[in-house]
């Protein structure tokens, strides 16, 4: 099974992401847009994993310690590709998110899983293979995304699969983060 660790979002946050995505959609000539239920932030991508190794990942997740922390979705951008760009919503710099990514990556790597060595660039994919109209103002669009605030209160182990021809992400394990005492 194809797995990754992720942060999932509440319905109100996903609705705001969908609003951003709809702006892209109505200005696009073509594209594959992320389904509402699939909107997430990838922490660590794992790829194909056997059932035995899946259990090891569940164990790593269950031993994870951490506290709920704030997260701000801000701005947008794209990764340019020949077949159409990948458009994403950005994440305001967040030390706790970076620390969580590094901690999870280290634990997964120590357990023998291959982990990409590229710089962590947290984002939420809104669409792939997107080709926009030539008059679309990407700079202006990015500036209109001015801070969607949320909390990270759970880390999910997600399974990626095609069901009835649709890419579907399903939570297969999760770890709730601790609330800080006030």
N, C-alpha and C. Protein backbone atom coordinates (compact mmCIF):
# COMPACT_ATOMS: atom_id res chain seq x y z
N UNK A 1 0.84 -1.19 0.00
CA UNK A 1 0.00 0.00 0.00
C UNK A 1 0.88 1.25 0.00
N UNK A 2 0.37 2.32 -0.60
CA UNK A 2 1.12 3.58 -0.75
C UNK A 2 0.74 4.49 0.41
N UNK A 3 1.74 4.91 1.21
CA UNK A 3 1.46 5.62 2.45
C UNK A 3 2.22 6.94 2.56
N UNK A 4 1.67 7.83 3.40
CA UNK A 4 2.36 9.07 3.76
C UNK A 4 1.80 9.59 5.08
N UNK A 5 2.62 10.34 5.81
CA UNK A 5 2.17 11.02 7.02
C UNK A 5 1.68 12.40 6.61
N UNK A 6 0.58 12.85 7.24
CA UNK A 6 -0.01 14.12 6.83
C UNK A 6 -0.72 14.84 7.97
N UNK A 7 -0.98 16.10 7.71
CA UNK A 7 -1.89 16.90 8.53
C UNK A 7 -3.16 17.06 7.71
N UNK A 8 -4.29 16.67 8.28
CA UNK A 8 -5.58 16.86 7.63
C UNK A 8 -6.24 18.10 8.22
N UNK A 9 -7.23 18.61 7.55
CA UNK A 9 -7.85 19.86 7.96
C UNK A 9 -9.34 19.71 8.23
N UNK A 10 -9.85 20.61 9.05
CA UNK A 10 -11.28 20.65 9.37
C UNK A 10 -12.06 21.09 8.12
N UNK A 11 -13.36 20.85 8.14
CA UNK A 11 -14.20 21.26 7.02
C UNK A 11 -14.16 22.76 6.75
N UNK A 12 -14.20 23.64 7.77
CA UNK A 12 -14.13 25.08 7.46
C UNK A 12 -12.82 25.47 6.75
N UNK A 13 -11.71 24.86 7.13
CA UNK A 13 -10.44 25.15 6.47
C UNK A 13 -10.45 24.60 5.05
N UNK A 14 -10.95 23.37 4.89
CA UNK A 14 -11.02 22.80 3.54
C UNK A 14 -11.94 23.62 2.64
N UNK A 15 -12.98 24.20 3.20
CA UNK A 15 -13.87 25.04 2.39
C UNK A 15 -13.12 26.27 1.88
N UNK A 16 -12.28 26.86 2.73
CA UNK A 16 -11.48 28.02 2.29
C UNK A 16 -10.47 27.61 1.22
N UNK A 17 -9.89 26.42 1.37
CA UNK A 17 -8.98 25.91 0.34
C UNK A 17 -9.72 25.66 -0.97
N UNK A 18 -10.94 25.16 -0.85
CA UNK A 18 -11.77 24.92 -2.03
C UNK A 18 -12.10 26.24 -2.74
N UNK A 19 -12.34 27.30 -1.97
CA UNK A 19 -12.59 28.62 -2.56
C UNK A 19 -11.37 29.07 -3.37
N UNK A 20 -10.17 28.87 -2.82
CA UNK A 20 -8.93 29.21 -3.54
C UNK A 20 -8.85 28.39 -4.83
N UNK A 21 -9.11 27.11 -4.67
CA UNK A 21 -9.04 26.19 -5.80
C UNK A 21 -10.04 26.59 -6.89
N UNK A 22 -11.22 27.01 -6.49
CA UNK A 22 -12.24 27.40 -7.47
C UNK A 22 -11.82 28.61 -8.29
N UNK A 23 -11.06 29.53 -7.68
CA UNK A 23 -10.52 30.66 -8.44
C UNK A 23 -9.59 30.15 -9.53
N UNK A 24 -8.76 29.18 -9.19
CA UNK A 24 -7.89 28.57 -10.20
C UNK A 24 -8.72 27.85 -11.27
N UNK A 25 -9.68 27.10 -10.81
CA UNK A 25 -10.50 26.28 -11.73
C UNK A 25 -11.20 27.15 -12.78
N UNK A 26 -11.81 28.24 -12.35
CA UNK A 26 -12.56 29.07 -13.32
C UNK A 26 -11.63 29.84 -14.25
N UNK A 27 -10.36 29.93 -13.89
CA UNK A 27 -9.38 30.61 -14.75
C UNK A 27 -8.48 29.63 -15.50
N UNK A 28 -8.81 28.35 -15.43
CA UNK A 28 -7.94 27.34 -16.05
C UNK A 28 -8.47 26.89 -17.41
N UNK A 29 -7.55 26.49 -18.24
CA UNK A 29 -7.90 25.86 -19.51
C UNK A 29 -8.03 24.36 -19.31
N UNK A 30 -7.22 23.84 -18.37
CA UNK A 30 -7.27 22.41 -18.03
C UNK A 30 -6.58 22.21 -16.69
N UNK A 31 -6.79 21.04 -16.10
CA UNK A 31 -6.14 20.72 -14.84
C UNK A 31 -6.84 19.60 -14.11
N UNK A 32 -6.10 18.99 -13.20
CA UNK A 32 -6.65 17.96 -12.31
C UNK A 32 -6.62 18.55 -10.91
N UNK A 33 -7.79 18.84 -10.37
CA UNK A 33 -7.87 19.53 -9.10
C UNK A 33 -8.09 18.55 -7.95
N UNK A 34 -7.40 18.81 -6.84
CA UNK A 34 -7.46 17.95 -5.67
C UNK A 34 -8.90 17.88 -5.15
N UNK A 35 -9.36 16.66 -4.90
CA UNK A 35 -10.70 16.47 -4.34
C UNK A 35 -10.76 17.06 -2.93
N UNK A 36 -11.91 17.56 -2.56
CA UNK A 36 -12.14 18.17 -1.25
C UNK A 36 -11.62 17.28 -0.12
N UNK A 37 -11.99 16.00 -0.14
CA UNK A 37 -11.61 15.08 0.93
C UNK A 37 -10.12 14.75 0.92
N UNK A 38 -9.41 15.09 -0.16
CA UNK A 38 -7.98 14.78 -0.26
C UNK A 38 -7.08 15.97 0.09
N UNK A 39 -7.65 17.12 0.42
CA UNK A 39 -6.83 18.29 0.76
C UNK A 39 -6.10 18.02 2.08
N UNK A 40 -4.77 18.12 2.05
CA UNK A 40 -3.94 17.80 3.21
C UNK A 40 -2.57 18.44 3.04
N UNK A 41 -1.76 18.35 4.08
CA UNK A 41 -0.37 18.78 4.04
C UNK A 41 0.50 17.55 4.30
N UNK A 42 1.32 17.17 3.35
CA UNK A 42 2.18 16.00 3.51
C UNK A 42 3.36 16.34 4.42
N UNK A 43 3.57 15.51 5.44
CA UNK A 43 4.72 15.65 6.33
C UNK A 43 5.89 14.80 5.85
N UNK A 44 5.62 13.52 5.57
CA UNK A 44 6.64 12.59 5.08
C UNK A 44 5.98 11.63 4.11
N UNK A 45 6.52 11.56 2.89
CA UNK A 45 6.01 10.61 1.91
C UNK A 45 6.79 9.31 2.04
N UNK A 46 6.09 8.17 2.07
CA UNK A 46 6.73 6.87 2.29
C UNK A 46 6.71 5.98 1.06
N UNK A 47 5.73 6.12 0.20
CA UNK A 47 5.62 5.27 -0.99
C UNK A 47 5.03 3.92 -0.65
N UNK A 48 5.36 2.92 -1.48
CA UNK A 48 4.81 1.57 -1.30
C UNK A 48 5.39 0.91 -0.04
N UNK A 49 4.51 0.35 0.78
CA UNK A 49 4.89 -0.25 2.06
C UNK A 49 4.14 -1.57 2.23
N UNK A 50 4.84 -2.61 2.69
CA UNK A 50 4.19 -3.90 2.96
C UNK A 50 3.37 -3.80 4.24
N UNK A 51 2.48 -4.76 4.45
CA UNK A 51 1.64 -4.75 5.66
C UNK A 51 2.50 -4.82 6.92
N UNK A 52 3.54 -5.64 6.92
CA UNK A 52 4.40 -5.78 8.10
C UNK A 52 5.07 -4.44 8.43
N UNK A 53 5.52 -3.75 7.41
CA UNK A 53 6.17 -2.46 7.63
C UNK A 53 5.15 -1.37 7.97
N UNK A 54 3.93 -1.54 7.50
CA UNK A 54 2.85 -0.62 7.87
C UNK A 54 2.65 -0.64 9.38
N UNK A 55 2.67 -1.84 9.97
CA UNK A 55 2.52 -1.95 11.43
C UNK A 55 3.63 -1.21 12.16
N UNK A 56 4.84 -1.24 11.60
CA UNK A 56 5.96 -0.52 12.19
C UNK A 56 5.70 1.00 12.16
N UNK A 57 5.12 1.48 11.07
CA UNK A 57 4.80 2.90 10.96
C UNK A 57 3.72 3.31 11.96
N UNK A 58 2.75 2.43 12.18
CA UNK A 58 1.71 2.69 13.18
C UNK A 58 2.33 2.80 14.57
N UNK A 59 3.31 1.96 14.83
CA UNK A 59 4.02 1.99 16.12
C UNK A 59 4.79 3.30 16.28
N UNK A 60 5.49 3.72 15.23
CA UNK A 60 6.22 4.99 15.26
C UNK A 60 5.25 6.13 15.56
N UNK A 61 4.12 6.13 14.89
CA UNK A 61 3.13 7.18 15.08
C UNK A 61 2.57 7.17 16.51
N UNK A 62 2.30 5.99 17.03
CA UNK A 62 1.72 5.90 18.38
C UNK A 62 2.68 6.42 19.46
N UNK A 63 3.98 6.35 19.20
CA UNK A 63 4.98 6.81 20.18
C UNK A 63 5.35 8.28 20.00
N UNK A 64 4.77 8.91 19.03
CA UNK A 64 5.07 10.31 18.75
C UNK A 64 4.51 11.18 19.86
N UNK A 65 5.32 12.08 20.37
CA UNK A 65 4.87 13.03 21.38
C UNK A 65 4.87 14.42 20.77
N UNK A 66 3.88 15.19 21.10
CA UNK A 66 3.83 16.55 20.61
C UNK A 66 2.58 17.25 21.10
N UNK A 67 2.62 18.57 20.99
CA UNK A 67 1.51 19.40 21.44
C UNK A 67 0.82 20.05 20.25
N UNK A 68 -0.46 20.32 20.43
CA UNK A 68 -1.23 21.06 19.44
C UNK A 68 -0.50 22.38 19.17
N UNK A 69 -0.47 22.81 17.90
CA UNK A 69 0.17 24.08 17.58
C UNK A 69 -0.58 24.78 16.45
N UNK A 70 -0.45 26.11 16.39
CA UNK A 70 -1.14 26.88 15.34
C UNK A 70 -0.43 26.76 14.00
N UNK A 71 -1.21 26.93 12.93
CA UNK A 71 -0.68 26.87 11.57
C UNK A 71 -1.45 27.90 10.75
N UNK A 72 -0.73 28.62 9.91
CA UNK A 72 -1.37 29.62 9.04
C UNK A 72 -1.11 29.29 7.58
N UNK A 73 -2.19 29.16 6.83
CA UNK A 73 -2.12 28.96 5.38
C UNK A 73 -2.08 30.36 4.77
N UNK A 74 -1.03 30.62 3.98
CA UNK A 74 -0.86 31.97 3.45
C UNK A 74 -0.18 31.94 2.09
N UNK A 75 -0.74 32.66 1.15
CA UNK A 75 -0.14 32.77 -0.17
C UNK A 75 -0.38 31.52 -1.01
N UNK A 76 0.07 31.61 -2.24
CA UNK A 76 -0.06 30.49 -3.17
C UNK A 76 1.10 30.55 -4.13
N UNK A 77 1.32 29.46 -4.80
CA UNK A 77 2.40 29.42 -5.78
C UNK A 77 2.25 28.21 -6.66
N UNK A 78 3.28 27.98 -7.45
CA UNK A 78 3.23 26.84 -8.36
C UNK A 78 4.62 26.28 -8.56
N UNK A 79 4.64 24.99 -8.83
CA UNK A 79 5.84 24.31 -9.30
C UNK A 79 5.62 24.17 -10.80
N UNK A 80 6.48 24.79 -11.58
CA UNK A 80 6.31 24.76 -13.04
C UNK A 80 6.66 23.39 -13.59
N UNK A 81 5.80 22.89 -14.45
CA UNK A 81 5.99 21.60 -15.10
C UNK A 81 5.61 21.73 -16.57
N UNK A 82 6.24 20.92 -17.42
CA UNK A 82 5.95 20.96 -18.85
C UNK A 82 4.49 20.64 -19.16
N UNK A 83 3.93 19.66 -18.47
CA UNK A 83 2.56 19.23 -18.75
C UNK A 83 1.50 20.03 -18.04
N UNK A 84 1.88 21.14 -17.44
CA UNK A 84 0.97 21.95 -16.63
C UNK A 84 1.52 22.04 -15.22
N UNK A 85 1.24 23.12 -14.55
CA UNK A 85 1.85 23.39 -13.25
C UNK A 85 1.10 22.74 -12.09
N UNK A 86 1.84 22.54 -11.00
CA UNK A 86 1.24 22.12 -9.73
C UNK A 86 1.02 23.40 -8.93
N UNK A 87 -0.25 23.71 -8.65
CA UNK A 87 -0.59 24.90 -7.86
C UNK A 87 -0.84 24.49 -6.42
N UNK A 88 -0.37 25.33 -5.50
CA UNK A 88 -0.47 25.01 -4.08
C UNK A 88 -0.78 26.25 -3.25
N UNK A 89 -1.34 25.99 -2.07
CA UNK A 89 -1.50 27.01 -1.04
C UNK A 89 -0.30 26.89 -0.12
N UNK A 90 0.27 28.03 0.26
CA UNK A 90 1.48 28.02 1.07
C UNK A 90 1.20 27.97 2.56
N UNK A 91 2.26 27.70 3.30
CA UNK A 91 2.19 27.65 4.76
C UNK A 91 3.17 28.68 5.31
N UNK A 92 2.69 29.54 6.20
CA UNK A 92 3.57 30.51 6.84
C UNK A 92 4.65 29.76 7.61
N UNK A 93 5.86 30.31 7.60
CA UNK A 93 6.98 29.63 8.28
C UNK A 93 6.55 29.24 9.69
N UNK A 94 6.86 27.98 10.05
CA UNK A 94 6.36 27.43 11.31
C UNK A 94 7.39 26.45 11.86
N UNK A 95 8.09 26.88 12.89
CA UNK A 95 9.16 26.06 13.48
C UNK A 95 8.62 24.73 14.00
N UNK A 96 7.46 24.73 14.61
CA UNK A 96 6.91 23.50 15.19
C UNK A 96 6.59 22.49 14.09
N UNK A 97 6.08 22.98 12.95
CA UNK A 97 5.79 22.09 11.83
C UNK A 97 7.09 21.51 11.27
N UNK A 98 8.11 22.34 11.11
CA UNK A 98 9.41 21.86 10.61
C UNK A 98 10.01 20.84 11.57
N UNK A 99 9.93 21.12 12.87
CA UNK A 99 10.46 20.18 13.86
C UNK A 99 9.72 18.84 13.79
N UNK A 100 8.41 18.90 13.63
CA UNK A 100 7.61 17.68 13.52
C UNK A 100 8.03 16.88 12.29
N UNK A 101 8.20 17.56 11.17
CA UNK A 101 8.65 16.89 9.94
C UNK A 101 10.01 16.21 10.16
N UNK A 102 10.95 16.94 10.75
CA UNK A 102 12.30 16.39 10.96
C UNK A 102 12.27 15.21 11.93
N UNK A 103 11.49 15.32 13.00
CA UNK A 103 11.40 14.23 13.97
C UNK A 103 10.81 12.98 13.32
N UNK A 104 9.71 13.14 12.59
CA UNK A 104 9.09 12.00 11.92
C UNK A 104 10.04 11.39 10.88
N UNK A 105 10.68 12.24 10.08
CA UNK A 105 11.63 11.76 9.07
C UNK A 105 12.75 10.95 9.70
N UNK A 106 13.29 11.44 10.81
CA UNK A 106 14.38 10.75 11.50
C UNK A 106 13.95 9.38 12.02
N UNK A 107 12.77 9.33 12.63
CA UNK A 107 12.28 8.06 13.17
C UNK A 107 12.01 7.05 12.05
N UNK A 108 11.44 7.52 10.96
CA UNK A 108 11.13 6.65 9.82
C UNK A 108 12.42 6.15 9.16
N UNK A 109 13.38 7.07 9.00
CA UNK A 109 14.67 6.70 8.40
C UNK A 109 15.40 5.69 9.30
N UNK A 110 15.37 5.90 10.62
CA UNK A 110 16.02 4.98 11.56
C UNK A 110 15.40 3.59 11.52
N UNK A 111 14.12 3.52 11.13
CA UNK A 111 13.43 2.22 11.02
C UNK A 111 13.69 1.56 9.67
N UNK A 112 14.50 2.21 8.83
CA UNK A 112 14.89 1.59 7.57
C UNK A 112 14.07 1.99 6.35
N UNK A 113 13.23 3.00 6.49
CA UNK A 113 12.44 3.46 5.35
C UNK A 113 13.23 4.52 4.58
N UNK A 114 13.17 4.47 3.26
CA UNK A 114 13.82 5.54 2.49
C UNK A 114 13.00 6.82 2.60
N UNK A 115 13.66 7.92 2.89
CA UNK A 115 13.00 9.22 3.01
C UNK A 115 13.71 10.20 2.08
N UNK A 116 12.94 10.98 1.34
CA UNK A 116 13.53 11.96 0.44
C UNK A 116 14.41 12.93 1.23
N UNK A 117 15.52 13.32 0.64
CA UNK A 117 16.45 14.23 1.31
C UNK A 117 16.28 15.69 0.91
N UNK A 118 15.21 16.00 0.18
CA UNK A 118 15.06 17.40 -0.23
C UNK A 118 14.50 18.25 0.90
N UNK A 119 14.71 19.56 0.77
CA UNK A 119 14.27 20.52 1.77
C UNK A 119 12.75 20.44 1.95
N UNK A 120 12.30 20.48 3.19
CA UNK A 120 10.87 20.45 3.50
C UNK A 120 10.25 21.78 3.07
N UNK A 121 9.31 21.71 2.18
CA UNK A 121 8.63 22.89 1.65
C UNK A 121 7.12 22.67 1.82
N UNK A 122 6.59 22.91 3.02
CA UNK A 122 5.19 22.58 3.30
C UNK A 122 4.22 23.37 2.44
N UNK A 123 3.26 22.65 1.88
CA UNK A 123 2.25 23.25 1.01
C UNK A 123 1.06 22.31 0.92
N UNK A 124 -0.03 22.82 0.39
CA UNK A 124 -1.24 22.04 0.18
C UNK A 124 -1.53 22.08 -1.32
N UNK A 125 -1.45 20.94 -1.97
CA UNK A 125 -1.67 20.90 -3.42
C UNK A 125 -3.14 21.15 -3.74
N UNK A 126 -3.36 22.17 -4.58
CA UNK A 126 -4.72 22.52 -5.02
C UNK A 126 -5.04 21.89 -6.36
N UNK A 127 -4.02 21.74 -7.21
CA UNK A 127 -4.25 21.16 -8.53
C UNK A 127 -2.96 20.79 -9.22
N UNK A 128 -3.05 19.81 -10.11
CA UNK A 128 -1.90 19.34 -10.89
C UNK A 128 -2.23 19.51 -12.38
N UNK A 129 -1.15 19.60 -13.15
CA UNK A 129 -1.30 19.73 -14.62
C UNK A 129 -2.23 20.89 -14.97
N UNK A 130 -2.12 21.96 -14.20
CA UNK A 130 -3.00 23.12 -14.39
C UNK A 130 -2.40 24.06 -15.44
N UNK A 131 -3.21 24.37 -16.42
CA UNK A 131 -2.86 25.37 -17.43
C UNK A 131 -3.88 26.50 -17.30
N UNK A 132 -3.37 27.69 -17.01
CA UNK A 132 -4.26 28.83 -16.77
C UNK A 132 -4.35 29.73 -18.00
N UNK A 133 -5.43 30.49 -18.06
CA UNK A 133 -5.59 31.48 -19.13
C UNK A 133 -4.42 32.46 -19.08
N UNK A 134 -4.03 32.96 -20.22
CA UNK A 134 -2.86 33.86 -20.29
C UNK A 134 -3.08 35.16 -19.53
N UNK A 135 -4.32 35.57 -19.31
CA UNK A 135 -4.58 36.83 -18.60
C UNK A 135 -4.72 36.64 -17.08
N UNK A 136 -4.49 35.43 -16.58
CA UNK A 136 -4.60 35.19 -15.14
C UNK A 136 -3.42 35.84 -14.43
N UNK A 137 -3.70 36.62 -13.39
CA UNK A 137 -2.66 37.32 -12.64
C UNK A 137 -2.27 36.49 -11.41
N UNK A 138 -1.24 35.66 -11.57
CA UNK A 138 -0.81 34.75 -10.50
C UNK A 138 -0.33 35.50 -9.27
N UNK A 139 0.36 36.62 -9.48
CA UNK A 139 0.85 37.42 -8.34
C UNK A 139 -0.32 37.95 -7.51
N UNK A 140 -1.30 38.46 -8.18
CA UNK A 140 -2.47 39.00 -7.49
C UNK A 140 -3.22 37.89 -6.75
N UNK A 141 -3.36 36.75 -7.40
CA UNK A 141 -4.03 35.60 -6.78
C UNK A 141 -3.32 35.22 -5.49
N UNK A 142 -2.00 35.13 -5.52
CA UNK A 142 -1.24 34.74 -4.33
C UNK A 142 -1.44 35.74 -3.20
N UNK A 143 -1.50 37.02 -3.53
CA UNK A 143 -1.67 38.05 -2.49
C UNK A 143 -3.06 38.01 -1.86
N UNK A 144 -4.04 37.44 -2.54
CA UNK A 144 -5.40 37.40 -1.99
C UNK A 144 -5.56 36.35 -0.90
N UNK A 145 -4.59 35.45 -0.79
CA UNK A 145 -4.67 34.39 0.23
C UNK A 145 -3.94 34.90 1.46
N UNK A 146 -4.70 35.49 2.36
CA UNK A 146 -4.09 36.25 3.45
C UNK A 146 -4.38 35.68 4.83
N UNK A 147 -3.97 34.48 5.05
CA UNK A 147 -3.99 33.94 6.39
C UNK A 147 -5.24 33.19 6.80
N UNK A 148 -5.23 31.90 6.56
CA UNK A 148 -6.26 31.01 7.08
C UNK A 148 -5.63 30.33 8.29
N UNK A 149 -6.16 30.64 9.47
CA UNK A 149 -5.59 30.11 10.71
C UNK A 149 -6.28 28.82 11.13
N UNK A 150 -5.46 27.87 11.58
CA UNK A 150 -5.99 26.60 12.06
C UNK A 150 -5.05 26.06 13.13
N UNK A 151 -5.37 24.91 13.65
CA UNK A 151 -4.50 24.22 14.61
C UNK A 151 -4.17 22.84 14.08
N UNK A 152 -2.94 22.42 14.33
CA UNK A 152 -2.56 21.04 14.05
C UNK A 152 -2.77 20.29 15.36
N UNK A 153 -3.77 19.40 15.38
CA UNK A 153 -4.07 18.67 16.61
C UNK A 153 -3.99 17.15 16.44
N UNK A 154 -3.62 16.73 15.21
CA UNK A 154 -3.55 15.30 14.94
C UNK A 154 -2.62 15.07 13.76
N UNK A 155 -1.87 13.98 13.82
CA UNK A 155 -1.02 13.54 12.71
C UNK A 155 -1.62 12.24 12.19
N UNK A 156 -1.75 12.14 10.88
CA UNK A 156 -2.39 10.97 10.27
C UNK A 156 -1.43 10.20 9.39
N UNK A 157 -1.56 8.88 9.43
CA UNK A 157 -0.91 8.01 8.45
C UNK A 157 -1.98 7.75 7.41
N UNK A 158 -1.68 8.12 6.17
CA UNK A 158 -2.67 8.08 5.09
C UNK A 158 -2.30 7.04 4.05
N UNK A 159 -3.35 6.41 3.50
CA UNK A 159 -3.18 5.47 2.39
C UNK A 159 -3.69 6.14 1.13
N UNK A 160 -2.93 6.01 0.06
CA UNK A 160 -3.30 6.56 -1.23
C UNK A 160 -3.62 5.40 -2.17
N UNK A 161 -4.83 5.43 -2.76
CA UNK A 161 -5.21 4.37 -3.68
C UNK A 161 -6.23 4.90 -4.68
N UNK A 162 -6.37 4.18 -5.77
CA UNK A 162 -7.40 4.53 -6.76
C UNK A 162 -8.62 3.66 -6.50
N UNK A 163 -9.75 4.31 -6.26
CA UNK A 163 -11.02 3.62 -6.06
C UNK A 163 -11.99 4.13 -7.12
N UNK A 164 -12.50 3.23 -7.93
CA UNK A 164 -13.40 3.60 -9.03
C UNK A 164 -12.79 4.70 -9.90
N UNK A 165 -11.49 4.59 -10.13
CA UNK A 165 -10.80 5.54 -10.99
C UNK A 165 -10.45 6.87 -10.35
N UNK A 166 -10.77 7.05 -9.07
CA UNK A 166 -10.48 8.31 -8.37
C UNK A 166 -9.40 8.11 -7.33
N UNK A 167 -8.44 9.03 -7.31
CA UNK A 167 -7.41 9.00 -6.28
C UNK A 167 -8.06 9.32 -4.94
N UNK A 168 -7.88 8.42 -3.98
CA UNK A 168 -8.54 8.55 -2.68
C UNK A 168 -7.51 8.41 -1.57
N UNK A 169 -7.54 9.33 -0.61
CA UNK A 169 -6.67 9.26 0.55
C UNK A 169 -7.52 8.87 1.76
N UNK A 170 -7.08 7.84 2.47
CA UNK A 170 -7.82 7.33 3.62
C UNK A 170 -6.90 7.29 4.83
N UNK A 171 -7.38 7.81 5.95
CA UNK A 171 -6.61 7.74 7.19
C UNK A 171 -6.63 6.30 7.70
N UNK A 172 -5.43 5.72 7.91
CA UNK A 172 -5.35 4.34 8.40
C UNK A 172 -4.84 4.27 9.84
N UNK A 173 -4.28 5.36 10.33
CA UNK A 173 -3.85 5.45 11.72
C UNK A 173 -3.68 6.93 12.05
N UNK A 174 -3.79 7.27 13.33
CA UNK A 174 -3.65 8.68 13.70
C UNK A 174 -3.13 8.81 15.12
N UNK A 175 -2.52 9.95 15.38
CA UNK A 175 -2.05 10.28 16.73
C UNK A 175 -2.55 11.68 17.07
N UNK A 176 -3.33 11.77 18.12
CA UNK A 176 -3.82 13.06 18.58
C UNK A 176 -2.73 13.72 19.40
N UNK A 177 -2.49 15.00 19.14
CA UNK A 177 -1.47 15.74 19.88
C UNK A 177 -2.07 16.23 21.19
N UNK A 178 -1.20 16.49 22.16
CA UNK A 178 -1.62 16.92 23.49
C UNK A 178 -2.00 18.39 23.50
N UNK A 179 -3.02 18.71 24.29
CA UNK A 179 -3.37 20.11 24.54
C UNK A 179 -2.41 20.63 25.60
N UNK A 180 -1.95 21.85 25.43
CA UNK A 180 -1.09 22.47 26.44
C UNK A 180 -1.95 22.92 27.63
N UNK A 181 -1.41 22.75 28.82
CA UNK A 181 -2.10 23.21 30.02
C UNK A 181 -1.96 24.73 30.10
N UNK A 182 -3.02 25.39 30.46
CA UNK A 182 -2.99 26.87 30.53
C UNK A 182 -2.87 27.34 31.94
